[in-house]
Amino acid sequence: MKIVFMGTPDFAVASLDALKNAGFDIVAVVTAADKPAGRGQKLSESAVKKYAVEHGLKVLQPLKLKDPDFINELEQLKADLQVVVAFRMLPEVVWNMPPKGTINLHGSLLPQYRGAAPINHAVINGETETGVTTFFLKHEIDTGDVIFSAKTEITDEDTAGTLHDKLMHIGADLIVKTVKAIDENNYTEMPQPMNTELKAAPKIFKDFCEINWNQDLQTVYNHIRGLSPYPTAFTSLNGKSLKVFKVEKDLTTPIQSAGTFETDGKTFLKFATENGYIKLLELQLEGKKRMMVDEFLRGVRLVD
């Protein structure tokens, strides 16, 4: 069975590697075009492209997925199946091309958390369980019939980053299981259940990342860890933006108003919420590097 793989970030690399190691014939890899990055604006390759080049796989990087030259090249590959992991929306002319269809790996237990940021929103909403789902692509985003799913726990210490890594590996195993089942024609598609209230996972913009200290302790805590390490929650400290990566809860009843900080100037910095404190452990002040709180406090004077 000939496979075309489509993906861009690290999350997709694990699935591509698992398919290659399982012995499937990957006839091409489709990924994002190289983009200028960093101060020097040097062209940066996607994680998937780096892996593909390293392993001698054919790479396609169309700027537009409806480009006739790209469509023609895709047709010439005569793939039986397309596998999509963390890529962009495909036009029907692309996803409807292979005889066995196009499958997608999504980072949630569908139908919950359809959208661009399922991992972040699951943590932000305080979920204790999530997972990954494979399904066939259809017209509406993330609505196709489910092939398989796999669950995992979300602990109170998980961040979007740690959960991303868990789901990346679980998802890679699920992709291999799904492709094997399709190859053997040994699977049953299940429509996504729609008799429940759906939680969405829209793309996250900067204003959403600002911390609202007027909320309760757990809500603020979930918000911060659900945005760590990216795109990162932030607040204001002495007129500068302060990114917050790692925190812990302090259940002490606040004596200050929400949003007020307290510090000994050496070992701790904490902000009051509605019913407790958030202790900052790892942070980054505007114009500075990311650091632990004790290192940060050695370089900045917050108390007289």
Protein backbone atom coordinates (compact mmCIF):
# COMPACT_ATOMS: atom_id res chain seq x y z
CA MET A 1 0.00 0.00 0.00
CA LYS A 2 1.47 3.34 -1.11
CA ILE A 3 1.12 6.18 1.40
CA VAL A 4 1.51 9.95 1.11
CA PHE A 5 2.15 11.51 4.53
CA MET A 6 1.19 15.13 5.28
CA GLY A 7 2.39 16.98 8.38
CA THR A 8 4.61 19.78 9.64
CA PRO A 9 5.63 19.94 13.36
CA ASP A 10 7.33 17.55 15.79
CA PHE A 11 3.96 16.07 16.71
CA ALA A 12 3.72 14.66 13.17
CA VAL A 13 7.29 13.32 13.07
CA ALA A 14 6.50 10.59 15.60
CA SER A 15 3.71 9.23 13.38
CA LEU A 16 5.84 9.41 10.24
CA ASP A 17 8.67 7.59 12.01
CA ALA A 18 6.29 4.92 13.32
CA LEU A 19 4.87 4.28 9.84
CA LYS A 20 8.35 4.04 8.34
CA ASN A 21 9.53 1.66 11.08
CA ALA A 22 6.40 -0.48 10.54
CA GLY A 23 7.54 -1.01 6.96
CA PHE A 24 4.92 0.97 5.06
CA ASP A 25 5.78 2.38 1.64
CA ILE A 26 5.83 6.18 2.06
CA VAL A 27 6.03 7.47 -1.51
CA ALA A 28 6.10 11.17 -0.54
CA VAL A 29 5.89 13.58 2.37
CA VAL A 30 3.95 16.83 2.00
CA THR A 31 4.90 19.60 4.43
CA ALA A 32 4.95 23.38 4.84
CA ALA A 33 7.23 25.54 2.73
CA ASP A 34 10.48 26.72 4.33
CA LYS A 35 10.00 29.99 6.22
CA PRO A 36 12.40 32.74 7.33
CA ALA A 37 12.95 32.60 11.09
CA GLY A 38 15.09 34.21 13.77
CA ARG A 39 17.02 37.45 13.72
CA GLY A 40 18.92 36.47 10.60
CA GLN A 41 15.69 35.48 8.83
CA LYS A 42 17.35 32.33 7.55
CA LEU A 43 15.04 29.81 5.93
CA SER A 44 13.83 27.26 8.47
CA GLU A 45 12.67 23.76 7.52
CA SER A 46 9.74 22.03 9.21
CA ALA A 47 10.47 19.17 11.61
CA VAL A 48 8.77 16.78 9.17
CA LYS A 49 10.92 17.96 6.24
CA LYS A 50 14.10 17.49 8.27
CA TYR A 51 13.08 13.93 9.10
CA ALA A 52 12.06 13.16 5.51
CA VAL A 53 15.32 14.46 4.02
CA GLU A 54 17.35 12.59 6.63
CA HIS A 55 15.60 9.34 5.68
CA GLY A 56 15.62 9.83 1.92
CA LEU A 57 11.89 10.40 1.48
CA LYS A 58 10.51 12.46 -1.39
CA VAL A 59 9.38 15.91 -0.15
CA LEU A 60 6.66 18.15 -1.62
CA GLN A 61 6.22 21.71 -0.33
CA PRO A 62 3.37 23.39 -2.20
CA LEU A 63 2.58 27.00 -1.38
CA LYS A 64 -1.02 26.37 -2.45
CA LEU A 65 -2.71 22.99 -2.14
CA LYS A 66 -4.84 23.66 -5.24
CA ASP A 67 -1.80 24.39 -7.42
CA PRO A 68 -2.26 22.36 -10.63
CA ASP A 69 1.40 21.30 -10.66
CA PHE A 70 1.11 19.97 -7.11
CA ILE A 71 -2.17 18.18 -7.88
CA ASN A 72 -0.59 16.59 -10.94
CA GLU A 73 2.50 15.47 -9.00
CA LEU A 74 0.26 14.00 -6.29
CA GLU A 75 -1.77 12.09 -8.88
CA GLN A 76 1.40 10.68 -10.44
CA LEU A 77 2.35 9.11 -7.11
CA LYS A 78 -0.76 6.87 -7.29
CA ALA A 79 -0.99 6.64 -3.50
CA ASP A 80 -3.55 4.24 -2.04
CA LEU A 81 -3.94 6.24 1.19
CA GLN A 82 -3.04 9.67 2.55
CA VAL A 83 -2.19 10.16 6.22
CA VAL A 84 -2.54 13.64 7.73
CA VAL A 85 -1.06 14.61 11.12
CA ALA A 86 -0.91 18.27 12.23
CA PHE A 87 -1.13 19.77 8.76
CA ARG A 88 -3.53 22.30 7.28
CA MET A 89 -7.00 22.02 5.79
CA LEU A 90 -7.02 20.07 2.54
CA PRO A 91 -9.18 20.88 -0.48
CA GLU A 92 -11.49 18.08 -1.62
CA VAL A 93 -9.46 17.53 -4.77
CA VAL A 94 -6.60 16.44 -2.49
CA TRP A 95 -8.32 14.48 0.30
CA ASN A 96 -10.63 12.69 -2.09
CA MET A 97 -7.84 11.54 -4.41
CA PRO A 98 -6.61 8.18 -3.02
CA PRO A 99 -8.84 5.09 -3.50
CA LYS A 100 -8.60 4.23 0.22
CA GLY A 101 -9.22 7.81 1.30
CA THR A 102 -7.38 10.24 3.57
CA ILE A 103 -7.13 9.72 7.32
CA ASN A 104 -6.34 12.29 9.99
CA LEU A 105 -4.99 12.01 13.54
CA HIS A 106 -6.63 14.53 15.88
CA GLY A 107 -5.40 15.36 19.39
CA SER A 108 -8.68 14.82 21.23
CA LEU A 109 -11.45 12.30 21.75
CA LEU A 110 -13.77 13.45 18.99
CA PRO A 111 -16.31 14.99 18.80
CA GLN A 112 -14.93 16.97 21.75
CA TYR A 113 -12.35 19.67 21.08
CA ARG A 114 -12.63 19.98 17.35
CA GLY A 115 -10.41 22.78 16.12
CA ALA A 116 -6.85 24.05 16.02
CA ALA A 117 -5.80 23.77 19.69
CA PRO A 118 -7.34 20.65 21.28
CA ILE A 119 -4.44 19.92 23.63
CA ASN A 120 -4.32 23.45 25.06
CA HIS A 121 -8.06 23.71 25.60
CA ALA A 122 -8.36 20.31 27.30
CA VAL A 123 -5.86 21.43 29.96
CA ILE A 124 -7.32 24.94 30.23
CA ASN A 125 -10.76 23.47 30.87
CA GLY A 126 -9.44 21.21 33.63
CA GLU A 127 -10.18 17.91 31.89
CA THR A 128 -8.84 14.78 33.58
CA GLU A 129 -8.90 12.65 30.42
CA THR A 130 -8.28 13.17 26.73
CA GLY A 131 -6.84 11.16 23.85
CA VAL A 132 -6.34 10.89 20.12
CA THR A 133 -8.69 9.89 17.32
CA THR A 134 -8.20 8.68 13.76
CA PHE A 135 -10.91 9.37 11.20
CA PHE A 136 -11.52 9.76 7.48
CA LEU A 137 -11.58 13.33 6.19
CA LYS A 138 -14.90 14.81 5.07
CA HIS A 139 -16.04 18.30 4.07
CA GLU A 140 -16.56 19.74 7.57
CA ILE A 141 -13.45 20.01 9.73
CA ASP A 142 -12.88 17.15 12.23
CA THR A 143 -16.32 15.61 11.56
CA GLY A 144 -15.44 12.35 9.77
CA ASP A 145 -16.41 8.90 11.00
CA VAL A 146 -14.10 7.60 13.75
CA ILE A 147 -11.86 4.62 13.01
CA PHE A 148 -10.02 4.26 16.33
CA SER A 149 -9.35 6.29 19.46
CA ALA A 150 -7.02 5.96 22.45
CA LYS A 151 -7.33 7.62 25.86
CA THR A 152 -4.87 9.03 28.37
CA GLU A 153 -5.06 10.71 31.77
CA ILE A 154 -4.44 14.42 32.28
CA THR A 155 -2.85 14.94 35.70
CA ASP A 156 -3.05 18.16 37.69
CA GLU A 157 0.65 18.70 36.96
CA ASP A 158 0.39 18.24 33.19
CA THR A 159 0.99 21.22 30.93
CA ALA A 160 0.06 21.53 27.29
CA GLY A 161 3.69 20.58 26.61
CA THR A 162 3.76 17.36 28.62
CA LEU A 163 0.34 16.34 27.31
CA HIS A 164 1.50 17.08 23.74
CA ASP A 165 4.36 14.62 24.20
CA LYS A 166 2.10 11.92 25.65
CA LEU A 167 -0.39 12.26 22.80
CA MET A 168 2.37 12.41 20.18
CA HIS A 169 3.51 8.88 21.08
CA ILE A 170 0.02 7.47 21.67
CA GLY A 171 -1.02 8.98 18.34
CA ALA A 172 1.92 7.43 16.49
CA ASP A 173 0.88 3.98 17.72
CA LEU A 174 -2.73 4.67 16.77
CA ILE A 175 -1.75 5.76 13.25
CA VAL A 176 0.11 2.48 12.69
CA LYS A 177 -2.85 0.50 14.07
CA THR A 178 -5.23 2.43 11.79
CA VAL A 179 -3.14 2.05 8.63
CA LYS A 180 -2.72 -1.68 9.27
CA ALA A 181 -6.48 -2.05 9.71
CA ILE A 182 -7.16 -0.18 6.46
CA ASP A 183 -4.55 -2.25 4.64
CA GLU A 184 -6.27 -5.43 5.85
CA ASN A 185 -9.77 -3.97 5.41
CA ASN A 186 -10.39 -4.85 9.03
CA TYR A 187 -12.12 -1.85 10.63
CA THR A 188 -15.55 -0.36 11.24
CA GLU A 189 -16.25 3.36 10.93
CA MET A 190 -18.31 4.88 13.73
CA PRO A 191 -20.16 8.21 13.34
CA GLN A 192 -19.11 10.77 15.95
CA PRO A 193 -21.73 10.90 18.76
CA MET A 194 -23.61 14.19 18.65
CA ASN A 195 -25.90 13.72 21.66
CA THR A 196 -23.61 15.68 23.98
CA GLU A 197 -22.62 19.29 24.55
CA LEU A 198 -19.53 19.96 22.47
CA LYS A 199 -16.45 21.80 23.73
CA ALA A 200 -14.52 23.66 21.06
CA ALA A 201 -10.78 24.13 20.58
CA PRO A 202 -10.38 27.31 18.53
CA LYS A 203 -7.06 28.84 17.56
CA ILE A 204 -5.52 30.77 20.46
CA PHE A 205 -4.74 34.47 20.05
CA LYS A 206 -2.56 36.71 22.24
CA ASP A 207 -5.34 38.46 24.16
CA PHE A 208 -6.61 35.06 25.37
CA CYS A 209 -3.19 34.39 26.93
CA GLU A 210 -3.34 37.28 29.42
CA ILE A 211 -3.91 36.00 32.96
CA ASN A 212 -7.10 37.13 34.70
CA TRP A 213 -6.16 37.09 38.38
CA ASN A 214 -9.78 37.78 39.39
CA GLN A 215 -10.71 34.17 38.68
CA ASP A 216 -10.50 31.32 41.19
CA LEU A 217 -7.17 29.62 41.90
CA GLN A 218 -7.79 26.41 39.92
CA THR A 219 -9.07 28.28 36.85
CA VAL A 220 -5.96 30.50 36.76
CA TYR A 221 -3.71 27.49 37.36
CA ASN A 222 -5.33 25.55 34.49
CA HIS A 223 -5.09 28.56 32.19
CA ILE A 224 -1.35 28.95 32.79
CA ARG A 225 -0.45 25.27 32.38
CA GLY A 226 -2.74 24.94 29.36
CA LEU A 227 -0.70 27.62 27.58
CA SER A 228 2.73 26.33 28.64
CA PRO A 229 5.18 26.28 26.98
CA TYR A 230 3.37 27.76 23.99
CA PRO A 231 1.82 30.22 23.28
CA THR A 232 2.44 31.07 26.98
CA ALA A 233 0.30 32.87 29.55
CA PHE A 234 1.46 36.35 30.53
CA THR A 235 0.80 39.13 33.00
CA SER A 236 2.20 42.58 33.72
CA LEU A 237 4.93 43.26 36.27
CA ASN A 238 6.11 46.82 36.89
CA GLY A 239 4.85 47.85 33.46
CA LYS A 240 6.57 45.01 31.58
CA SER A 241 5.13 41.83 30.11
CA LEU A 242 5.95 38.71 32.13
CA LYS A 243 5.56 35.28 30.54
CA VAL A 244 4.71 32.49 32.96
CA PHE A 245 5.78 28.91 32.16
CA LYS A 246 5.65 26.93 35.40
CA VAL A 247 3.67 27.55 38.58
CA GLU A 248 2.30 25.86 41.67
CA LYS A 249 -0.73 26.51 43.83
CA ASP A 250 -0.59 28.09 47.28
CA LEU A 251 -3.89 27.54 49.12
CA THR A 252 -3.27 30.34 51.64
CA THR A 253 -6.19 32.78 51.80
CA PRO A 254 -5.03 36.03 50.13
CA ILE A 255 -4.85 39.19 52.19
CA GLN A 256 -4.23 41.33 49.08
CA SER A 257 -6.59 42.04 46.22
CA ALA A 258 -6.46 39.73 43.19
CA GLY A 259 -3.51 40.44 40.89
CA THR A 260 -1.31 41.85 43.67
CA PHE A 261 2.09 40.19 43.96
CA GLU A 262 4.03 39.24 47.07
CA THR A 263 7.72 38.36 47.26
CA ASP A 264 10.60 38.05 49.69
CA GLY A 265 12.92 39.30 46.96
CA LYS A 266 14.96 36.09 47.05
CA THR A 267 13.06 32.82 46.76
CA PHE A 268 9.40 33.35 45.90
CA LEU A 269 7.08 35.51 43.84
CA LYS A 270 3.36 34.88 44.02
CA PHE A 271 0.21 36.55 42.75
CA ALA A 272 -3.12 36.64 44.57
CA THR A 273 -6.21 35.14 42.92
CA GLU A 274 -9.79 35.08 44.16
CA ASN A 275 -9.12 32.31 46.68
CA GLY A 276 -5.40 31.52 46.78
CA TYR A 277 -1.98 32.35 45.36
CA ILE A 278 -0.19 31.29 42.20
CA LYS A 279 3.52 30.83 42.93
CA LEU A 280 5.69 31.49 39.87
CA LEU A 281 8.47 28.95 39.39
CA GLU A 282 9.69 29.59 35.83
CA LEU A 283 9.17 32.86 33.98
CA GLN A 284 10.50 35.32 31.42
CA LEU A 285 10.41 39.09 31.74
CA GLU A 286 10.14 41.15 28.56
CA GLY A 287 13.62 41.55 27.07
CA LYS A 288 15.15 38.85 29.28
CA LYS A 289 15.77 35.11 28.98
CA ARG A 290 13.57 32.41 30.48
CA MET A 291 14.68 31.56 34.03
CA MET A 292 13.75 30.08 37.40
CA VAL A 293 12.23 32.43 39.97
CA ASP A 294 15.26 32.61 42.30
CA GLU A 295 17.55 33.57 39.42
CA PHE A 296 15.00 36.13 38.28
CA LEU A 297 14.74 37.70 41.74
CA ARG A 298 18.52 38.04 41.98
CA GLY A 299 18.47 40.29 38.92
CA VAL A 300 15.44 42.47 39.61
CA ARG A 301 14.42 44.55 42.65
CA LEU A 302 10.72 44.18 43.48
CA VAL A 303 10.78 45.06 47.18
CA ASP A 304 12.47 47.82 49.16
